């Protein structure tokens, strides 16, 4: 059972919408079915999906996977996953753009998780919520479907818990290469965004920023300007925290969304020849349970290199 206590921030929200924000990988209709089956209790009593929440309400929720979601071994469609490094404790892969990290209601199979289970079957028993609802076995972090680059997966529970703690305490260093529409730091070579991230009330699949420090979750992104073009800017982003869509939301807030971003972007300003989102997890560094330190790099994919070659009028 998972437990949530309602604060003033969520007062007045419907129960099904509150859970959809927490579990956006699952459809709202599926969560409504679970509520009607008694999988969600409010103050220890069964209720309806439309129940309006009040401050102090306590929700006990038991997540159950939809029958269509598959945690069976399988190869992802399209470009294959590239193994960067592997030992007995973890595997580092270079995930191609277009591949989801784990199954969801909208994409029940053919994900990185299905590939990991095929590659190393015991990984199916590694992770959180192992008795029910674990659709991310082995994964201690995630990349968005349209983001390429480095990901770590733990091959045993000890390593999973170790790496999870390192991510939670911000001891793992990550760098992303991104192309923005516009210049996020005019007249400067670097910048930062230190604004909490919250779920959009109008669209639970989106995030937005909050200037109130007591609303949402803390999110801090540093970035450097690598190269300026006439209408675009190449940046190196270093997220200190690891919130969902963090870099994308922070760049959107600055008015310079990531090029090719269908959710937060400005399609009319994208390079015409860019066929994907221009965001790539280039570098990751961490300490293994053994105390050994590891660092890995993944070069910019060819299609993104080609995009840069075709952007005209370099300013400097």
Protein backbone atom coordinates (compact mmCIF):
# COMPACT_ATOMS: atom_id res chain seq x y z
CA UNK A 1 0.00 0.00 0.00
CA UNK A 2 1.17 3.49 -0.87
CA UNK A 3 0.10 6.32 1.45
CA UNK A 4 -0.48 10.01 0.68
CA UNK A 5 -1.62 12.81 3.01
CA UNK A 6 -3.44 15.66 1.30
CA UNK A 7 -2.14 19.20 1.81
CA UNK A 8 -3.80 22.54 0.98
CA UNK A 9 -2.10 22.43 -2.42
CA UNK A 10 -4.34 19.55 -3.54
CA UNK A 11 -7.53 20.52 -1.71
CA UNK A 12 -10.55 20.31 -3.97
CA UNK A 13 -8.93 17.94 -6.49
CA UNK A 14 -10.76 14.81 -7.59
CA UNK A 15 -9.22 11.59 -6.31
CA UNK A 16 -8.75 10.12 -9.79
CA UNK A 17 -7.01 13.29 -11.04
CA UNK A 18 -4.73 13.35 -7.98
CA UNK A 19 -3.66 9.75 -8.64
CA UNK A 20 -3.25 10.40 -12.36
CA UNK A 21 -0.77 13.17 -11.56
CA UNK A 22 1.15 10.75 -9.34
CA UNK A 23 0.98 7.89 -11.85
CA UNK A 24 0.82 9.56 -15.25
CA UNK A 25 2.18 6.41 -16.93
CA UNK A 26 -1.25 4.87 -16.37
CA UNK A 27 -4.46 6.01 -18.03
CA UNK A 28 -7.02 7.84 -15.92
CA UNK A 29 -9.66 5.27 -16.87
CA UNK A 30 -7.49 2.47 -15.44
CA UNK A 31 -6.98 4.37 -12.19
CA UNK A 32 -10.73 4.94 -11.98
CA UNK A 33 -11.26 1.17 -12.28
CA UNK A 34 -8.81 0.59 -9.41
CA UNK A 35 -10.64 3.13 -7.24
CA UNK A 36 -13.98 1.41 -7.92
CA UNK A 37 -12.39 -1.95 -7.04
CA UNK A 38 -11.46 -0.58 -3.61
CA UNK A 39 -7.74 -0.23 -4.34
CA UNK A 40 -7.85 3.38 -3.16
CA UNK A 41 -9.14 4.19 0.33
CA UNK A 42 -9.66 7.69 1.67
CA UNK A 43 -9.47 7.79 5.47
CA UNK A 44 -9.70 3.97 5.44
CA UNK A 45 -13.00 3.95 3.50
CA UNK A 46 -13.77 2.99 -0.13
CA UNK A 47 -14.86 5.91 -2.27
CA UNK A 48 -15.59 7.06 -5.82
CA UNK A 49 -13.20 8.49 -8.44
CA UNK A 50 -14.93 11.89 -8.29
CA UNK A 51 -14.39 12.24 -4.52
CA UNK A 52 -13.15 15.78 -3.77
CA UNK A 53 -10.13 15.74 -1.50
CA UNK A 54 -9.75 17.82 1.66
CA UNK A 55 -6.64 18.86 3.61
CA UNK A 56 -5.70 16.09 6.03
CA UNK A 57 -7.30 13.29 3.99
CA UNK A 58 -5.17 10.14 3.96
CA UNK A 59 -5.12 8.02 0.81
CA UNK A 60 -4.06 4.38 0.87
CA UNK A 61 -3.49 3.18 -2.69
CA UNK A 62 -2.56 -0.23 -4.05
CA UNK A 63 -1.32 0.02 -7.63
CA UNK A 64 -2.06 -2.82 -10.01
CA UNK A 65 -0.67 -3.13 -13.54
CA UNK A 66 -3.15 -2.97 -16.42
CA UNK A 67 -3.39 -6.36 -18.15
CA UNK A 68 -2.01 -4.98 -21.41
CA UNK A 69 1.31 -3.85 -19.91
CA UNK A 70 4.00 -6.42 -20.62
CA UNK A 71 7.09 -7.10 -18.53
CA UNK A 72 8.07 -9.97 -20.77
CA UNK A 73 11.49 -10.08 -22.48
CA UNK A 74 11.59 -8.35 -25.83
CA UNK A 75 13.66 -6.34 -28.27
CA UNK A 76 12.80 -2.67 -28.86
CA UNK A 77 11.69 -1.74 -32.37
CA UNK A 78 13.96 0.35 -34.56
CA UNK A 79 17.48 1.29 -33.53
CA UNK A 80 19.09 -1.14 -31.11
CA UNK A 81 20.23 -0.28 -27.59
CA UNK A 82 24.01 0.12 -27.36
CA UNK A 83 25.81 -1.26 -24.30
CA UNK A 84 28.43 1.23 -23.10
CA UNK A 85 29.60 -0.74 -20.04
CA UNK A 86 28.48 -3.72 -18.00
CA UNK A 87 29.64 -5.58 -14.90
CA UNK A 88 27.97 -7.77 -12.25
CA UNK A 89 26.27 -4.81 -10.56
CA UNK A 90 25.02 -2.48 -13.29
CA UNK A 91 24.76 -1.83 -16.99
CA UNK A 92 25.17 1.52 -18.76
CA UNK A 93 23.42 1.88 -22.11
CA UNK A 94 23.13 4.54 -24.80
CA UNK A 95 19.38 4.80 -25.37
CA UNK A 96 18.27 5.91 -28.83
CA UNK A 97 15.65 8.62 -29.23
CA UNK A 98 12.16 7.25 -29.81
CA UNK A 99 12.53 4.42 -27.27
CA UNK A 100 10.52 4.62 -24.04
CA UNK A 101 12.35 3.73 -20.84
CA UNK A 102 9.56 1.53 -19.47
CA UNK A 103 6.08 0.27 -20.37
CA UNK A 104 3.01 2.44 -19.90
CA UNK A 105 -0.68 2.29 -20.72
CA UNK A 106 0.00 4.00 -24.05
CA UNK A 107 3.10 1.92 -24.86
CA UNK A 108 2.74 -1.48 -23.17
CA UNK A 109 5.81 -3.21 -24.64
CA UNK A 110 8.89 -2.75 -26.81
CA UNK A 111 10.64 -0.53 -24.25
CA UNK A 112 14.11 -0.40 -22.72
CA UNK A 113 12.80 -2.38 -19.73
CA UNK A 114 11.65 -5.21 -21.99
CA UNK A 115 15.12 -5.23 -23.58
CA UNK A 116 16.80 -5.25 -20.14
CA UNK A 117 14.71 -8.25 -19.05
CA UNK A 118 15.69 -10.11 -22.22
CA UNK A 119 19.35 -9.20 -21.72
CA UNK A 120 19.47 -9.99 -17.98
CA UNK A 121 16.31 -11.84 -16.76
CA UNK A 122 17.08 -11.49 -12.97
CA UNK A 123 16.66 -7.70 -13.33
CA UNK A 124 12.90 -8.28 -13.25
CA UNK A 125 13.15 -8.67 -9.46
CA UNK A 126 15.16 -5.45 -8.92
CA UNK A 127 13.51 -2.16 -7.97
CA UNK A 128 10.71 -0.57 -5.98
CA UNK A 129 7.19 -1.95 -5.41
CA UNK A 130 8.28 -5.45 -6.40
CA UNK A 131 5.02 -7.11 -5.35
CA UNK A 132 2.84 -4.98 -7.63
CA UNK A 133 3.15 -2.00 -9.90
CA UNK A 134 6.87 -2.19 -10.67
CA UNK A 135 7.07 -1.25 -14.34
CA UNK A 136 10.63 0.06 -14.03
CA UNK A 137 12.73 -2.94 -12.90
CA UNK A 138 16.40 -2.05 -12.62
CA UNK A 139 15.93 1.62 -13.53
CA UNK A 140 17.21 4.14 -10.99
CA UNK A 141 16.50 7.10 -13.29
CA UNK A 142 14.84 7.68 -16.65
CA UNK A 143 15.12 9.60 -19.89
CA UNK A 144 12.16 10.89 -21.83
CA UNK A 145 11.21 8.84 -24.88
CA UNK A 146 12.56 11.42 -27.34
CA UNK A 147 15.79 12.07 -25.38
CA UNK A 148 18.80 9.96 -26.35
CA UNK A 149 21.86 9.14 -24.27
CA UNK A 150 23.21 7.44 -21.19
CA UNK A 151 21.12 5.47 -18.71
CA UNK A 152 22.13 3.24 -15.79
CA UNK A 153 20.26 0.09 -14.77
CA UNK A 154 21.03 -1.84 -11.59
CA UNK A 155 21.37 -5.62 -11.90
CA UNK A 156 20.79 -6.40 -8.21
CA UNK A 157 18.85 -4.86 -5.33
CA UNK A 158 21.92 -3.75 -3.38
CA UNK A 159 23.19 -1.71 -6.33
CA UNK A 160 19.70 -0.38 -7.03
CA UNK A 161 19.33 1.01 -3.50
CA UNK A 162 22.88 2.41 -3.57
CA UNK A 163 22.40 4.24 -6.87
CA UNK A 164 18.91 5.40 -5.92
CA UNK A 165 20.33 7.06 -2.81
CA UNK A 166 23.08 8.69 -4.88
CA UNK A 167 20.48 10.18 -7.20
CA UNK A 168 18.35 11.35 -4.26
CA UNK A 169 21.33 13.10 -2.64
CA UNK A 170 22.48 14.62 -5.95
CA UNK A 171 25.84 12.84 -5.92
CA UNK A 172 25.54 11.68 -9.52
CA UNK A 173 26.75 14.16 -12.13
CA UNK A 174 24.93 14.44 -15.48
CA UNK A 175 25.41 16.62 -18.53
CA UNK A 176 23.02 17.06 -21.46
CA UNK A 177 23.54 18.66 -24.85
CA UNK A 178 20.53 20.60 -26.09
CA UNK A 179 19.61 23.02 -28.84
CA UNK A 180 17.18 25.78 -27.92
CA UNK A 181 14.98 27.93 -30.10
CA UNK A 182 16.37 31.34 -29.22
CA UNK A 183 19.02 32.41 -26.71
CA UNK A 184 18.40 31.49 -23.04
CA UNK A 185 21.17 33.77 -21.73
CA UNK A 186 21.61 36.86 -23.95
CA UNK A 187 24.96 38.55 -23.36
CA UNK A 188 26.12 35.82 -20.98
CA UNK A 189 27.99 32.52 -21.28
CA UNK A 190 26.01 30.67 -18.62
CA UNK A 191 22.84 30.73 -16.58
CA UNK A 192 20.67 28.85 -14.14
CA UNK A 193 17.01 28.21 -13.38
CA UNK A 194 16.12 27.58 -9.74
CA UNK A 195 12.35 27.16 -9.79
CA UNK A 196 10.18 24.40 -8.38
CA UNK A 197 8.39 22.11 -10.81
CA UNK A 198 4.71 21.21 -10.46
CA UNK A 199 2.21 19.26 -12.49
CA UNK A 200 0.05 21.33 -14.80
CA UNK A 201 -3.52 21.37 -13.51
CA UNK A 202 -4.89 21.66 -17.05
CA UNK A 203 -2.81 18.77 -18.45
CA UNK A 204 -1.45 16.11 -16.05
CA UNK A 205 1.04 14.95 -18.71
CA UNK A 206 2.80 18.32 -18.54
CA UNK A 207 4.85 20.12 -15.90
CA UNK A 208 5.32 23.81 -15.27
CA UNK A 209 7.32 26.02 -12.88
CA UNK A 210 6.24 27.57 -9.61
CA UNK A 211 7.82 30.64 -8.05
CA UNK A 212 6.52 29.57 -4.64
CA UNK A 213 9.11 27.48 -2.79
CA UNK A 214 6.43 25.62 -0.85
CA UNK A 215 4.66 24.40 -3.99
CA UNK A 216 5.91 21.51 -6.11
CA UNK A 217 9.38 19.99 -5.98
CA UNK A 218 12.71 21.81 -5.94
CA UNK A 219 14.44 21.88 -9.32
CA UNK A 220 17.80 23.43 -10.21
CA UNK A 221 19.39 23.49 -13.66
CA UNK A 222 22.73 25.07 -14.57
CA UNK A 223 23.63 25.60 -18.21
CA UNK A 224 26.52 26.88 -20.31
CA UNK A 225 26.35 28.36 -23.78
CA UNK A 226 28.38 26.18 -26.15
CA UNK A 227 27.65 27.92 -29.46
CA UNK A 228 25.28 30.60 -30.71
CA UNK A 229 23.51 30.51 -34.03
CA UNK A 230 21.27 33.17 -35.55
CA UNK A 231 18.05 31.61 -34.26
CA UNK A 232 19.24 28.78 -32.00
CA UNK A 233 21.68 28.15 -29.17
CA UNK A 234 23.64 25.01 -28.35
CA UNK A 235 23.78 24.50 -24.57
CA UNK A 236 25.30 22.12 -22.04
CA UNK A 237 22.76 21.59 -19.27
CA UNK A 238 23.61 20.20 -15.83
CA UNK A 239 20.48 19.35 -13.83
CA UNK A 240 21.28 19.11 -10.11
CA UNK A 241 17.87 17.60 -9.38
CA UNK A 242 16.16 15.02 -11.57
CA UNK A 243 12.55 16.11 -12.00
CA UNK A 244 10.43 14.85 -14.87
CA UNK A 245 10.95 17.01 -17.99
CA UNK A 246 13.19 19.30 -15.91
CA UNK A 247 15.46 20.75 -18.61
CA UNK A 248 12.57 21.01 -21.05
CA UNK A 249 10.35 22.84 -18.55
CA UNK A 250 13.12 25.20 -17.42
CA UNK A 251 14.08 26.11 -21.00
CA UNK A 252 10.39 26.63 -21.81
CA UNK A 253 10.16 29.00 -18.84
CA UNK A 254 13.02 31.09 -20.28
CA UNK A 255 11.10 31.41 -23.53
CA UNK A 256 13.64 29.27 -25.39
CA UNK A 257 12.27 25.71 -25.53
CA UNK A 258 14.32 22.74 -26.68
CA UNK A 259 14.20 22.44 -30.47
CA UNK A 260 11.96 19.62 -31.66
CA UNK A 261 10.12 19.35 -28.33
CA UNK A 262 6.54 18.46 -29.30
CA UNK A 263 5.17 18.92 -25.77
CA UNK A 264 6.76 22.19 -24.67
CA UNK A 265 8.26 23.54 -27.87
CA UNK A 266 7.58 26.01 -30.66
CA UNK A 267 7.44 23.94 -33.88
CA UNK A 268 7.42 26.96 -36.18
CA UNK A 269 10.89 27.92 -34.89
CA UNK A 270 12.46 24.44 -35.13
CA UNK A 271 15.19 23.78 -37.71
CA UNK A 272 13.28 22.48 -40.73
CA UNK A 273 15.50 19.40 -41.09
CA UNK A 274 15.32 18.34 -37.40
CA UNK A 275 13.34 15.12 -37.10
CA UNK A 276 13.48 14.64 -33.32
CA UNK A 277 13.92 16.52 -30.05
CA UNK A 278 17.44 17.94 -29.74
CA UNK A 279 18.30 16.73 -26.25
CA UNK A 280 21.02 14.16 -25.53
CA UNK A 281 22.36 12.80 -22.21
CA UNK A 282 26.04 13.03 -23.04
CA UNK A 283 27.82 12.37 -19.72
CA UNK A 284 27.25 10.62 -16.40
CA UNK A 285 29.55 10.08 -13.43
CA UNK A 286 28.89 8.15 -10.22
CA UNK A 287 30.38 5.99 -7.49
CA UNK A 288 29.61 2.25 -7.43
CA UNK A 289 28.90 0.32 -4.21
CA UNK A 290 32.52 -0.91 -4.35
CA UNK A 291 33.72 2.68 -3.97
CA UNK A 292 35.06 2.76 -7.52
CA UNK A 293 34.20 5.88 -9.51
CA UNK A 294 32.89 5.61 -13.06
CA UNK A 295 32.43 8.20 -15.80
CA UNK A 296 30.92 7.65 -19.23
CA UNK A 297 30.43 9.72 -22.38
CA UNK A 298 28.11 9.21 -25.34
CA UNK A 299 28.84 11.25 -28.46
CA UNK A 300 26.12 13.32 -30.07
CA UNK A 301 24.05 11.11 -32.40
CA UNK A 302 24.73 11.51 -36.10
CA UNK A 303 21.31 12.99 -36.86
CA UNK A 304 21.93 15.78 -34.33
CA UNK A 305 25.42 16.43 -35.71
CA UNK A 306 23.91 16.70 -39.18
CA UNK A 307 21.31 19.13 -37.88
CA UNK A 308 24.02 21.46 -36.56
CA UNK A 309 25.87 21.34 -39.89
CA UNK A 310 22.73 22.49 -41.66
CA UNK A 311 21.86 25.44 -39.42
CA UNK A 312 22.94 28.55 -41.33
CA UNK A 313 24.39 31.85 -40.23
CA UNK A 314 26.56 31.09 -37.24
CA UNK A 315 26.80 34.27 -35.16
CA UNK A 316 29.86 33.20 -33.19
